[in-house]
PDB file of all heavy atoms in Angstrom:
ATOM      1  N   SER A   1      36.268  75.906 -31.144  1.00  0.00           N
ATOM      2  CA  SER A   1      35.404  76.731 -30.303  1.00  0.00           C
ATOM      3  C   SER A   1      33.974  76.615 -30.801  1.00  0.00           C
ATOM      4  O   SER A   1      33.724  76.522 -32.002  1.00  0.00           O
ATOM      5  CB  SER A   1      35.861  78.189 -30.362  1.00  0.00           C
ATOM      6  OG  SER A   1      34.867  79.044 -29.845  1.00  0.00           O
ATOM      7  N   LYS A   2      33.022  76.605 -29.875  1.00  0.00           N
ATOM      8  CA  LYS A   2      31.616  76.515 -30.276  1.00  0.00           C
ATOM      9  C   LYS A   2      31.231  77.693 -31.163  1.00  0.00           C
ATOM     10  O   LYS A   2      30.400  77.582 -32.047  1.00  0.00           O
ATOM     11  CB  LYS A   2      30.730  76.447 -29.035  1.00  0.00           C
ATOM     12  CG  LYS A   2      30.816  75.115 -28.290  1.00  0.00           C
ATOM     13  CD  LYS A   2      29.871  75.095 -27.110  1.00  0.00           C
ATOM     14  CE  LYS A   2      29.798  73.697 -26.477  1.00  0.00           C
ATOM     15  NZ  LYS A   2      31.077  73.225 -25.982  1.00  0.00           N
ATOM     16  N   ARG A   3      31.848  78.841 -30.915  1.00  0.00           N
ATOM     17  CA  ARG A   3      31.524  80.024 -31.708  1.00  0.00           C
ATOM     18  C   ARG A   3      32.002  79.887 -33.153  1.00  0.00           C
ATOM     19  O   ARG A   3      31.455  80.522 -34.056  1.00  0.00           O
ATOM     20  CB  ARG A   3      32.161  81.257 -31.079  1.00  0.00           C
ATOM     21  CG  ARG A   3      31.561  81.645 -29.732  1.00  0.00           C
ATOM     22  CD  ARG A   3      32.245  82.877 -29.176  1.00  0.00           C
ATOM     23  NE  ARG A   3      31.690  83.266 -27.892  1.00  0.00           N
ATOM     24  CZ  ARG A   3      32.120  84.285 -27.171  1.00  0.00           C
ATOM     25  NH1 ARG A   3      33.131  85.021 -27.627  1.00  0.00           N
ATOM     26  NH2 ARG A   3      31.563  84.578 -26.011  1.00  0.00           N
ATOM     27  N   SER A   4      33.040  79.069 -33.364  1.00  0.00           N
ATOM     28  CA  SER A   4      33.588  78.934 -34.706  1.00  0.00           C
ATOM     29  C   SER A   4      32.857  77.889 -35.538  1.00  0.00           C
ATOM     30  O   SER A   4      33.040  77.811 -36.750  1.00  0.00           O
ATOM     31  CB  SER A   4      35.076  78.554 -34.624  1.00  0.00           C
ATOM     32  OG  SER A   4      35.233  77.246 -34.087  1.00  0.00           O
ATOM     33  N   GLU A   5      32.010  77.084 -34.902  1.00  0.00           N
ATOM     34  CA  GLU A   5      31.270  76.058 -35.632  1.00  0.00           C
ATOM     35  C   GLU A   5      30.111  76.682 -36.411  1.00  0.00           C
ATOM     36  O   GLU A   5      29.532  77.684 -35.980  1.00  0.00           O
ATOM     37  CB  GLU A   5      30.745  75.007 -34.650  1.00  0.00           C
ATOM     38  CG  GLU A   5      31.843  74.208 -33.978  1.00  0.00           C
ATOM     39  CD  GLU A   5      31.287  73.151 -33.041  1.00  0.00           C
ATOM     40  OE1 GLU A   5      30.370  73.458 -32.261  1.00  0.00           O
ATOM     41  OE2 GLU A   5      31.777  72.017 -33.096  1.00  0.00           O
ATOM     42  N   PRO A   6      29.763  76.120 -37.569  1.00  0.00           N
ATOM     43  CA  PRO A   6      28.674  76.695 -38.370  1.00  0.00           C
ATOM     44  C   PRO A   6      27.339  76.665 -37.628  1.00  0.00           C
ATOM     45  O   PRO A   6      27.025  75.702 -36.923  1.00  0.00           O
ATOM     46  CB  PRO A   6      28.647  75.796 -39.617  1.00  0.00           C
ATOM     47  CG  PRO A   6      29.321  74.526 -39.201  1.00  0.00           C
ATOM     48  CD  PRO A   6      30.356  74.914 -38.183  1.00  0.00           C
ATOM     49  N   ARG A   7      26.588  77.726 -37.777  1.00  0.00           N
ATOM     50  CA  ARG A   7      25.279  77.820 -37.127  1.00  0.00           C
ATOM     51  C   ARG A   7      24.278  76.940 -37.876  1.00  0.00           C
ATOM     52  O   ARG A   7      24.139  77.038 -39.102  1.00  0.00           O
ATOM     53  CB  ARG A   7      24.812  79.267 -37.101  1.00  0.00           C
ATOM     54  CG  ARG A   7      23.489  79.473 -36.388  1.00  0.00           C
ATOM     55  CD  ARG A   7      23.111  80.938 -36.348  1.00  0.00           C
ATOM     56  NE  ARG A   7      21.818  81.132 -35.709  1.00  0.00           N
ATOM     57  CZ  ARG A   7      20.653  81.039 -36.335  1.00  0.00           C
ATOM     58  NH1 ARG A   7      20.637  80.801 -37.650  1.00  0.00           N
ATOM     59  NH2 ARG A   7      19.519  81.220 -35.697  1.00  0.00           N
ATOM     60  N   ILE A   8      23.576  76.092 -37.154  1.00  0.00           N
ATOM     61  CA  ILE A   8      22.584  75.202 -37.745  1.00  0.00           C
ATOM     62  C   ILE A   8      21.216  75.570 -37.178  1.00  0.00           C
ATOM     63  O   ILE A   8      20.949  75.362 -35.997  1.00  0.00           O
ATOM     64  CB  ILE A   8      22.891  73.716 -37.443  1.00  0.00           C
ATOM     65  CG1 ILE A   8      24.325  73.359 -37.848  1.00  0.00           C
ATOM     66  CG2 ILE A   8      21.866  72.809 -38.115  1.00  0.00           C
ATOM     67  CD1 ILE A   8      24.604  73.486 -39.319  1.00  0.00           C
ATOM     68  N   PRO A   9      20.324  76.143 -37.979  1.00  0.00           N
ATOM     69  CA  PRO A   9      18.970  76.454 -37.482  1.00  0.00           C
ATOM     70  C   PRO A   9      18.218  75.166 -37.150  1.00  0.00           C
ATOM     71  O   PRO A   9      18.390  74.132 -37.805  1.00  0.00           O
ATOM     72  CB  PRO A   9      18.314  77.187 -38.662  1.00  0.00           C
ATOM     73  CG  PRO A   9      19.445  77.597 -39.566  1.00  0.00           C
ATOM     74  CD  PRO A   9      20.514  76.565 -39.372  1.00  0.00           C
ATOM     75  N   PHE A  10      17.353  75.242 -36.145  1.00  0.00           N
ATOM     76  CA  PHE A  10      16.562  74.070 -35.777  1.00  0.00           C
ATOM     77  C   PHE A  10      15.704  73.600 -36.950  1.00  0.00           C
ATOM     78  O   PHE A  10      15.488  72.408 -37.148  1.00  0.00           O
ATOM     79  CB  PHE A  10      15.684  74.397 -34.564  1.00  0.00           C
ATOM     80  CG  PHE A  10      14.730  73.301 -34.205  1.00  0.00           C
ATOM     81  CD1 PHE A  10      15.184  72.121 -33.636  1.00  0.00           C
ATOM     82  CD2 PHE A  10      13.362  73.439 -34.456  1.00  0.00           C
ATOM     83  CE1 PHE A  10      14.300  71.091 -33.313  1.00  0.00           C
ATOM     84  CE2 PHE A  10      12.468  72.418 -34.138  1.00  0.00           C
ATOM     85  CZ  PHE A  10      12.937  71.244 -33.567  1.00  0.00           C
ATOM     86  N   GLY A  11      15.249  74.575 -37.758  1.00  0.00           N
ATOM     87  CA  GLY A  11      14.421  74.208 -38.902  1.00  0.00           C
ATOM     88  C   GLY A  11      15.117  73.285 -39.885  1.00  0.00           C
ATOM     89  O   GLY A  11      14.461  72.548 -40.631  1.00  0.00           O
ATOM     90  N   SER A  12      16.458  73.297 -39.880  1.00  0.00           N
ATOM     91  CA  SER A  12      17.203  72.413 -40.779  1.00  0.00           C
ATOM     92  C   SER A  12      16.947  70.949 -40.463  1.00  0.00           C
ATOM     93  O   SER A  12      16.978  70.092 -41.352  1.00  0.00           O
ATOM     94  CB  SER A  12      18.700  72.700 -40.676  1.00  0.00           C
ATOM     95  OG  SER A  12      18.998  74.006 -41.099  1.00  0.00           O
ATOM     96  N   LEU A  13      16.701  70.651 -39.179  1.00  0.00           N
ATOM     97  CA  LEU A  13      16.426  69.267 -38.794  1.00  0.00           C
ATOM     98  C   LEU A  13      15.116  68.789 -39.396  1.00  0.00           C
ATOM     99  O   LEU A  13      14.973  67.610 -39.765  1.00  0.00           O
ATOM    100  CB  LEU A  13      16.380  69.144 -37.266  1.00  0.00           C
ATOM    101  CG  LEU A  13      17.708  68.916 -36.547  1.00  0.00           C
ATOM    102  CD1 LEU A  13      18.672  70.078 -36.777  1.00  0.00           C
ATOM    103  CD2 LEU A  13      17.486  68.704 -35.050  1.00  0.00           C
ATOM    104  N   VAL A  14      14.154  69.708 -39.516  1.00  0.00           N
ATOM    105  CA  VAL A  14      12.876  69.366 -40.127  1.00  0.00           C
ATOM    106  C   VAL A  14      13.039  69.233 -41.640  1.00  0.00           C
ATOM    107  O   VAL A  14      12.553  68.277 -42.258  1.00  0.00           O
ATOM    108  CB  VAL A  14      11.816  70.440 -39.792  1.00  0.00           C
ATOM    109  CG1 VAL A  14      10.465  70.072 -40.428  1.00  0.00           C
ATOM    110  CG2 VAL A  14      11.674  70.592 -38.280  1.00  0.00           C
ATOM    111  N   GLU A  15      13.733  70.182 -42.247  1.00  0.00           N
ATOM    112  CA  GLU A  15      13.946  70.151 -43.695  1.00  0.00           C
ATOM    113  C   GLU A  15      14.712  68.914 -44.127  1.00  0.00           C
ATOM    114  O   GLU A  15      14.460  68.352 -45.194  1.00  0.00           O
ATOM    115  CB  GLU A  15      14.709  71.402 -44.130  1.00  0.00           C
ATOM    116  CG  GLU A  15      13.932  72.692 -43.956  1.00  0.00           C
ATOM    117  CD  GLU A  15      14.793  73.917 -44.226  1.00  0.00           C
ATOM    118  OE1 GLU A  15      16.038  73.818 -44.129  1.00  0.00           O
ATOM    119  OE2 GLU A  15      14.221  74.972 -44.532  1.00  0.00           O
ATOM    120  N   ARG A  16      15.680  68.489 -43.293  1.00  0.00           N
ATOM    121  CA  ARG A  16      16.516  67.335 -43.657  1.00  0.00           C
ATOM    122  C   ARG A  16      15.869  66.004 -43.277  1.00  0.00           C
ATOM    123  O   ARG A  16      16.446  64.955 -43.544  1.00  0.00           O
ATOM    124  CB  ARG A  16      17.879  67.459 -42.969  1.00  0.00           C
ATOM    125  CG  ARG A  16      18.672  68.714 -43.345  1.00  0.00           C
ATOM    126  CD  ARG A  16      19.313  68.578 -44.700  1.00  0.00           C
ATOM    127  NE  ARG A  16      20.297  67.523 -44.716  1.00  0.00           N
ATOM    128  CZ  ARG A  16      21.585  67.673 -44.359  1.00  0.00           C
ATOM    129  NH1 ARG A  16      22.019  68.870 -43.985  1.00  0.00           N
ATOM    130  NH2 ARG A  16      22.425  66.670 -44.419  1.00  0.00           N
ATOM    131  N   GLY A  17      14.744  66.022 -42.601  1.00  0.00           N
ATOM    132  CA  GLY A  17      14.052  64.781 -42.269  1.00  0.00           C
ATOM    133  C   GLY A  17      14.491  64.127 -40.980  1.00  0.00           C
ATOM    134  O   GLY A  17      14.044  63.010 -40.665  1.00  0.00           O
ATOM    135  N   PHE A  18      15.336  64.781 -40.199  1.00  0.00           N
ATOM    136  CA  PHE A  18      15.716  64.219 -38.897  1.00  0.00           C
ATOM    137  C   PHE A  18      14.519  64.260 -37.937  1.00  0.00           C
ATOM    138  O   PHE A  18      14.350  63.377 -37.095  1.00  0.00           O
ATOM    139  CB  PHE A  18      16.891  64.997 -38.291  1.00  0.00           C
ATOM    140  CG  PHE A  18      18.199  64.772 -38.996  1.00  0.00           C
ATOM    141  CD1 PHE A  18      18.704  65.718 -39.875  1.00  0.00           C
ATOM    142  CD2 PHE A  18      18.922  63.607 -38.793  1.00  0.00           C
ATOM    143  CE1 PHE A  18      19.908  65.519 -40.524  1.00  0.00           C
ATOM    144  CE2 PHE A  18      20.122  63.390 -39.442  1.00  0.00           C
ATOM    145  CZ  PHE A  18      20.617  64.346 -40.318  1.00  0.00           C
ATOM    146  N   LEU A  19      13.700  65.297 -38.069  1.00  0.00           N
ATOM    147  CA  LEU A  19      12.465  65.433 -37.298  1.00  0.00           C
ATOM    148  C   LEU A  19      11.333  65.734 -38.264  1.00  0.00           C
ATOM    149  O   LEU A  19      11.553  66.256 -39.359  1.00  0.00           O
ATOM    150  CB  LEU A  19      12.589  66.575 -36.270  1.00  0.00           C
ATOM    151  CG  LEU A  19      13.659  66.425 -35.192  1.00  0.00           C
ATOM    152  CD1 LEU A  19      13.726  67.708 -34.355  1.00  0.00           C
ATOM    153  CD2 LEU A  19      13.371  65.223 -34.292  1.00  0.00           C
ATOM    154  N   GLU A  20      10.115  65.430 -37.842  1.00  0.00           N
ATOM    155  CA  GLU A  20       8.940  65.675 -38.678  1.00  0.00           C
ATOM    156  C   GLU A  20       8.021  66.677 -37.998  1.00  0.00           C
ATOM    157  O   GLU A  20       7.933  66.724 -36.765  1.00  0.00           O
ATOM    158  CB  GLU A  20       8.168  64.374 -38.924  1.00  0.00           C
ATOM    159  CG  GLU A  20       8.953  63.337 -39.716  1.00  0.00           C
ATOM    160  CD  GLU A  20       8.161  62.058 -39.924  1.00  0.00           C
ATOM    161  OE1 GLU A  20       6.993  62.015 -39.466  1.00  0.00           O
ATOM    162  OE2 GLU A  20       8.701  61.114 -40.539  1.00  0.00           O
ATOM    163  N   ALA A  21       7.347  67.468 -38.811  1.00  0.00           N
ATOM    164  CA  ALA A  21       6.344  68.382 -38.267  1.00  0.00           C
ATOM    165  C   ALA A  21       5.278  67.571 -37.537  1.00  0.00           C
ATOM    166  O   ALA A  21       4.804  66.549 -38.039  1.00  0.00           O
ATOM    167  CB  ALA A  21       5.721  69.203 -39.385  1.00  0.00           C
ATOM    168  N   GLY A  22       4.912  68.014 -36.347  1.00  0.00           N
ATOM    169  CA  GLY A  22       3.940  67.291 -35.543  1.00  0.00           C
ATOM    170  C   GLY A  22       4.575  66.358 -34.528  1.00  0.00           C
ATOM    171  O   GLY A  22       3.893  65.878 -33.603  1.00  0.00           O
ATOM    172  N   GLN A  23       5.867  66.079 -34.657  1.00  0.00           N
ATOM    173  CA  GLN A  23       6.548  65.193 -33.727  1.00  0.00           C
ATOM    174  C   GLN A  23       6.684  65.872 -32.362  1.00  0.00           C
ATOM    175  O   GLN A  23       6.798  67.098 -32.266  1.00  0.00           O
ATOM    176  CB  GLN A  23       7.933  64.824 -34.277  1.00  0.00           C
ATOM    177  CG  GLN A  23       8.518  63.553 -33.693  1.00  0.00           C
ATOM    178  CD  GLN A  23       9.674  63.029 -34.552  1.00  0.00           C
ATOM    179  OE1 GLN A  23      10.065  63.643 -35.540  1.00  0.00           O
ATOM    180  NE2 GLN A  23      10.209  61.878 -34.191  1.00  0.00           N
ATOM    181  N   THR A  24       6.670  65.071 -31.301  1.00  0.00           N
ATOM    182  CA  THR A  24       6.722  65.612 -29.943  1.00  0.00           C
ATOM    183  C   THR A  24       8.149  65.537 -29.389  1.00  0.00           C
ATOM    184  O   THR A  24       8.820  64.504 -29.528  1.00  0.00           O
ATOM    185  CB  THR A  24       5.774  64.844 -29.001  1.00  0.00           C
ATOM    186  OG1 THR A  24       4.433  64.934 -29.510  1.00  0.00           O
ATOM    187  CG2 THR A  24       5.813  65.420 -27.597  1.00  0.00           C
ATOM    188  N   LEU A  25       8.557  66.628 -28.760  1.00  0.00           N
ATOM    189  CA  LEU A  25       9.844  66.676 -28.054  1.00  0.00           C
ATOM    190  C   LEU A  25       9.597  66.689 -26.555  1.00  0.00           C
ATOM    191  O   LEU A  25       8.557  67.194 -26.086  1.00  0.00           O
ATOM    192  CB  LEU A  25      10.637  67.925 -28.457  1.00  0.00           C
ATOM    193  CG  LEU A  25      10.947  68.119 -29.940  1.00  0.00           C
ATOM    194  CD1 LEU A  25      11.825  69.370 -30.126  1.00  0.00           C
ATOM    195  CD2 LEU A  25      11.618  66.901 -30.537  1.00  0.00           C
ATOM    196  N   TYR A  26      10.543  66.147 -25.788  1.00  0.00           N
ATOM    197  CA  TYR A  26      10.417  66.068 -24.330  1.00  0.00           C
ATOM    198  C   TYR A  26      11.708  66.582 -23.675  1.00  0.00           C
ATOM    199  O   TYR A  26      12.774  66.571 -24.295  1.00  0.00           O
ATOM    200  CB  TYR A  26      10.204  64.615 -23.876  1.00  0.00           C
ATOM    201  CG  TYR A  26       9.034  63.918 -24.526  1.00  0.00           C
ATOM    202  CD1 TYR A  26       9.212  63.194 -25.711  1.00  0.00           C
ATOM    203  CD2 TYR A  26       7.774  63.971 -23.952  1.00  0.00           C
ATOM    204  CE1 TYR A  26       8.153  62.541 -26.314  1.00  0.00           C
ATOM    205  CE2 TYR A  26       6.689  63.305 -24.554  1.00  0.00           C
ATOM    206  CZ  TYR A  26       6.895  62.607 -25.724  1.00  0.00           C
ATOM    207  OH  TYR A  26       5.841  61.956 -26.322  1.00  0.00           O
ATOM    208  N   ASP A  27      11.595  66.958 -22.411  1.00  0.00           N
ATOM    209  CA  ASP A  27      12.826  67.159 -21.639  1.00  0.00           C
ATOM    210  C   ASP A  27      13.274  65.797 -21.137  1.00  0.00           C
ATOM    211  O   ASP A  27      12.548  64.801 -21.268  1.00  0.00           O
ATOM    212  CB  ASP A  27      12.592  68.148 -20.489  1.00  0.00           C
ATOM    213  CG  ASP A  27      11.782  67.537 -19.365  1.00  0.00           C
ATOM    214  OD1 ASP A  27      10.623  67.113 -19.626  1.00  0.00           O
ATOM    215  OD2 ASP A  27      12.286  67.454 -18.234  1.00  0.00           O
ATOM    216  N   ILE A  28      14.442  65.701 -20.572  1.00  0.00           N
ATOM    217  CA  ILE A  28      15.035  64.415 -20.230  1.00  0.00           C
ATOM    218  C   ILE A  28      14.200  63.633 -19.216  1.00  0.00           C
ATOM    219  O   ILE A  28      14.205  62.417 -19.187  1.00  0.00           O
ATOM    220  CB  ILE A  28      16.490  64.591 -19.720  1.00  0.00           C
ATOM    221  CG1 ILE A  28      17.182  63.252 -19.544  1.00  0.00           C
ATOM    222  CG2 ILE A  28      16.507  65.374 -18.413  1.00  0.00           C
ATOM    223  CD1 ILE A  28      17.349  62.466 -20.811  1.00  0.00           C
ATOM    224  N   ARG A  29      13.410  64.353 -18.367  1.00  0.00           N
ATOM    225  CA  ARG A  29      12.585  63.679 -17.370  1.00  0.00           C
ATOM    226  C   ARG A  29      11.116  63.573 -17.805  1.00  0.00           C
ATOM    227  O   ARG A  29      10.260  63.162 -17.013  1.00  0.00           O
ATOM    228  CB  ARG A  29      12.670  64.416 -16.035  1.00  0.00           C
ATOM    229  CG  ARG A  29      14.071  64.415 -15.439  1.00  0.00           C
ATOM    230  CD  ARG A  29      14.084  65.100 -14.090  1.00  0.00           C
ATOM    231  NE  ARG A  29      15.432  65.129 -13.520  1.00  0.00           N
ATOM    232  CZ  ARG A  29      15.742  65.700 -12.352  1.00  0.00           C
ATOM    233  NH1 ARG A  29      14.787  66.302 -11.642  1.00  0.00           N
ATOM    234  NH2 ARG A  29      16.975  65.685 -11.916  1.00  0.00           N
ATOM    235  N   ARG A  30      10.827  63.964 -19.021  1.00  0.00           N
ATOM    236  CA  ARG A  30       9.480  63.908 -19.582  1.00  0.00           C
ATOM    237  C   ARG A  30       8.470  64.731 -18.774  1.00  0.00           C
ATOM    238  O   ARG A  30       7.270  64.427 -18.756  1.00  0.00           O
ATOM    239  CB  ARG A  30       8.982  62.454 -19.698  1.00  0.00           C
ATOM    240  CG  ARG A  30       9.775  61.596 -20.677  1.00  0.00           C
ATOM    241  CD  ARG A  30       9.194  60.192 -20.744  1.00  0.00           C
ATOM    242  NE  ARG A  30       9.943  59.307 -21.599  1.00  0.00           N
ATOM    243  CZ  ARG A  30       9.685  59.087 -22.896  1.00  0.00           C
ATOM    244  NH1 ARG A  30       8.677  59.729 -23.471  1.00  0.00           N
ATOM    245  NH2 ARG A  30      10.405  58.239 -23.591  1.00  0.00           N
ATOM    246  N   ARG A  31       8.933  65.772 -18.125  1.00  0.00           N
ATOM    247  CA  ARG A  31       8.008  66.638 -17.401  1.00  0.00           C
ATOM    248  C   ARG A  31       7.363  67.666 -18.323  1.00  0.00           C
ATOM    249  O   ARG A  31       6.278  68.161 -18.052  1.00  0.00           O
ATOM    250  CB  ARG A  31       8.752  67.374 -16.268  1.00  0.00           C
ATOM    251  CG  ARG A  31       9.255  66.453 -15.157  1.00  0.00           C
ATOM    252  CD  ARG A  31      10.021  67.242 -14.116  1.00  0.00           C
ATOM    253  NE  ARG A  31      11.186  67.899 -14.715  1.00  0.00           N
ATOM    254  CZ  ARG A  31      12.045  68.664 -14.032  1.00  0.00           C
ATOM    255  NH1 ARG A  31      11.823  68.903 -12.743  1.00  0.00           N
ATOM    256  NH2 ARG A  31      13.079  69.198 -14.640  1.00  0.00           N
ATOM    257  N   HIS A  32       8.062  67.998 -19.394  1.00  0.00           N
ATOM    258  CA  HIS A  32       7.565  68.998 -20.327  1.00  0.00           C
ATOM    259  C   HIS A  32       7.597  68.421 -21.743  1.00  0.00           C
ATOM    260  O   HIS A  32       8.438  67.571 -22.055  1.00  0.00           O
ATOM    261  CB  HIS A  32       8.421  70.268 -20.268  1.00  0.00           C
ATOM    262  CG  HIS A  32       8.582  70.817 -18.889  1.00  0.00           C
ATOM    263  ND1 HIS A  32       7.547  71.383 -18.176  1.00  0.00           N
ATOM    264  CD2 HIS A  32       9.682  70.865 -18.079  1.00  0.00           C
ATOM    265  CE1 HIS A  32       8.000  71.771 -16.997  1.00  0.00           C
ATOM    266  NE2 HIS A  32       9.290  71.465 -16.912  1.00  0.00           N
ATOM    267  N   SER A  33       6.699  68.925 -22.588  1.00  0.00           N
ATOM    268  CA  SER A  33       6.672  68.466 -23.979  1.00  0.00           C
ATOM    269  C   SER A  33       6.266  69.620 -24.882  1.00  0.00           C
ATOM    270  O   SER A  33       5.688  70.615 -24.442  1.00  0.00           O
ATOM    271  CB  SER A  33       5.697  67.292 -24.154  1.00  0.00           C
ATOM    272  OG  SER A  33       4.368  67.715 -23.857  1.00  0.00           O
ATOM    273  N   ALA A  34       6.611  69.486 -26.146  1.00  0.00           N
ATOM    274  CA  ALA A  34       6.244  70.477 -27.161  1.00  0.00           C
ATOM    275  C   ALA A  34       6.221  69.785 -28.507  1.00  0.00           C
ATOM    276  O   ALA A  34       6.912  68.777 -28.717  1.00  0.00           O
ATOM    277  CB  ALA A  34       7.236  71.638 -27.165  1.00  0.00           C
ATOM    278  N   ARG A  35       5.441  70.322 -29.426  1.00  0.00           N
ATOM    279  CA  ARG A  35       5.335  69.721 -30.754  1.00  0.00           C
ATOM    280  C   ARG A  35       6.089  70.572 -31.769  1.00  0.00           C
ATOM    281  O   ARG A  35       6.119  71.805 -31.686  1.00  0.00           O
ATOM    282  CB  ARG A  35       3.873  69.578 -31.150  1.00  0.00           C
ATOM    283  CG  ARG A  35       3.082  68.642 -30.226  1.00  0.00           C
ATOM    284  CD  ARG A  35       1.648  68.565 -30.640  1.00  0.00           C
ATOM    285  NE  ARG A  35       1.488  67.866 -31.919  1.00  0.00           N
ATOM    286  CZ  ARG A  35       0.421  67.995 -32.695  1.00  0.00           C
ATOM    287  NH1 ARG A  35      -0.575  68.808 -32.350  1.00  0.00           N
ATOM    288  NH2 ARG A  35       0.345  67.326 -33.829  1.00  0.00           N
ATOM    289  N   VAL A  36       6.685  69.886 -32.731  1.00  0.00           N
ATOM    290  CA  VAL A  36       7.449  70.539 -33.786  1.00  0.00           C
ATOM    291  C   VAL A  36       6.494  71.083 -34.836  1.00  0.00           C
ATOM    292  O   VAL A  36       5.585  70.373 -35.294  1.00  0.00           O
ATOM    293  CB  VAL A  36       8.439  69.559 -34.443  1.00  0.00           C
ATOM    294  CG1 VAL A  36       9.198  70.253 -35.574  1.00  0.00           C
ATOM    295  CG2 VAL A  36       9.395  68.986 -33.414  1.00  0.00           C
ATOM    296  N   ARG A  37       6.685  72.355 -35.227  1.00  0.00           N
ATOM    297  CA  ARG A  37       5.870  72.973 -36.269  1.00  0.00           C
ATOM    298  C   ARG A  37       6.650  72.953 -37.586  1.00  0.00           C
ATOM    299  O   ARG A  37       7.876  72.851 -37.614  1.00  0.00           O
ATOM    300  CB  ARG A  37       5.499  74.399 -35.884  1.00  0.00           C
ATOM    301  CG  ARG A  37       4.776  74.468 -34.551  1.00  0.00           C
ATOM    302  CD  ARG A  37       4.524  75.916 -34.160  1.00  0.00           C
ATOM    303  NE  ARG A  37       3.388  76.470 -34.879  1.00  0.00           N
ATOM    304  CZ  ARG A  37       3.176  77.763 -35.068  1.00  0.00           C
ATOM    305  NH1 ARG A  37       4.065  78.638 -34.624  1.00  0.00           N
ATOM    306  NH2 ARG A  37       2.099  78.187 -35.709  1.00  0.00           N
ATOM    307  N   ALA A  38       5.949  73.094 -38.686  1.00  0.00           N
ATOM    308  CA  ALA A  38       6.564  72.985 -40.010  1.00  0.00           C
ATOM    309  C   ALA A  38       7.589  74.079 -40.276  1.00  0.00           C
ATOM    310  O   ALA A  38       8.515  73.895 -41.070  1.00  0.00           O
ATOM    311  CB  ALA A  38       5.478  73.020 -41.083  1.00  0.00           C
ATOM    312  N   ASP A  39       7.448  75.220 -39.597  1.00  0.00           N
ATOM    313  CA  ASP A  39       8.367  76.331 -39.847  1.00  0.00           C
ATOM    314  C   ASP A  39       9.590  76.311 -38.928  1.00  0.00           C
ATOM    315  O   ASP A  39      10.353  77.271 -38.871  1.00  0.00           O
ATOM    316  CB  ASP A  39       7.638  77.671 -39.711  1.00  0.00           C
ATOM    317  CG  ASP A  39       7.111  77.921 -38.298  1.00  0.00           C
ATOM    318  OD1 ASP A  39       7.230  77.009 -37.443  1.00  0.00           O
ATOM    319  OD2 ASP A  39       6.589  79.021 -38.044  1.00  0.00           O
ATOM    320  N   GLY A  40       9.775  75.219 -38.195  1.00  0.00           N
ATOM    321  CA  GLY A  40      10.951  75.112 -37.343  1.00  0.00           C
ATOM    322  C   GLY A  40      10.791  75.742 -35.980  1.00  0.00           C
ATOM    323  O   GLY A  40      11.784  75.970 -35.287  1.00  0.00           O
ATOM    324  N   THR A  41       9.544  76.004 -35.556  1.00  0.00           N
ATOM    325  CA  THR A  41       9.290  76.476 -34.196  1.00  0.00           C
ATOM    326  C   THR A  41       8.591  75.359 -33.422  1.00  0.00           C
ATOM    327  O   THR A  41       8.244  74.310 -33.980  1.00  0.00           O
ATOM    328  CB  THR A  41       8.413  77.743 -34.194  1.00  0.00           C
ATOM    329  OG1 THR A  41       7.167  77.455 -34.858  1.00  0.00           O
ATOM    330  CG2 THR A  41       9.120  78.889 -34.922  1.00  0.00           C
ATOM    331  N   LEU A  42       8.391  75.604 -32.133  1.00  0.00           N
ATOM    332  CA  LEU A  42       7.691  74.642 -31.279  1.00  0.00           C
ATOM    333  C   LEU A  42       6.424  75.277 -30.730  1.00  0.00           C
ATOM    334  O   LEU A  42       6.313  76.507 -30.639  1.00  0.00           O
ATOM    335  CB  LEU A  42       8.580  74.218 -30.105  1.00  0.00           C
ATOM    336  CG  LEU A  42       9.919  73.553 -30.393  1.00  0.00           C
ATOM    337  CD1 LEU A  42      10.590  73.138 -29.087  1.00  0.00           C
ATOM    338  CD2 LEU A  42       9.770  72.359 -31.315  1.00  0.00           C
ATOM    339  N   VAL A  43       5.479  74.437 -30.330  1.00  0.00           N
ATOM    340  CA  VAL A  43       4.279  74.903 -29.655  1.00  0.00           C
ATOM    341  C   VAL A  43       4.046  74.016 -28.435  1.00  0.00           C
ATOM    342  O   VAL A  43       4.108  72.789 -28.517  1.00  0.00           O
ATOM    343  CB  VAL A  43       3.044  74.888 -30.597  1.00  0.00           C
ATOM    344  CG1 VAL A  43       2.808  73.501 -31.182  1.00  0.00           C
ATOM    345  CG2 VAL A  43       1.821  75.398 -29.850  1.00  0.00           C
ATOM    346  N   SER A  44       3.825  74.661 -27.301  1.00  0.00           N
ATOM    347  CA  SER A  44       3.536  73.945 -26.060  1.00  0.00           C
ATOM    348  C   SER A  44       2.362  74.647 -25.408  1.00  0.00           C
ATOM    349  O   SER A  44       2.465  75.833 -25.042  1.00  0.00           O
ATOM    350  CB  SER A  44       4.739  73.968 -25.129  1.00  0.00           C
ATOM    351  OG  SER A  44       4.436  73.302 -23.913  1.00  0.00           O
ATOM    352  N   SER A  45       1.239  73.941 -25.267  1.00  0.00           N
ATOM    353  CA  SER A  45      -0.011  74.563 -24.817  1.00  0.00           C
ATOM    354  C   SER A  45      -0.335  75.691 -25.793  1.00  0.00           C
ATOM    355  O   SER A  45      -0.458  75.471 -26.984  1.00  0.00           O
ATOM    356  CB  SER A  45       0.114  75.065 -23.376  1.00  0.00           C
ATOM    357  OG  SER A  45       0.370  73.968 -22.512  1.00  0.00           O
TER     358      SER A  45
END
């Protein structure tokens, strides 16, 4: 069950090096974008 799986904070991806602070994320159609912040949040506009 999805509920039984361990919770992984988004910030863990930054800490583990899967993503870097300042990197840009997109939706699948590239209509929207946001940048990754060092504390594991995003900023868009």
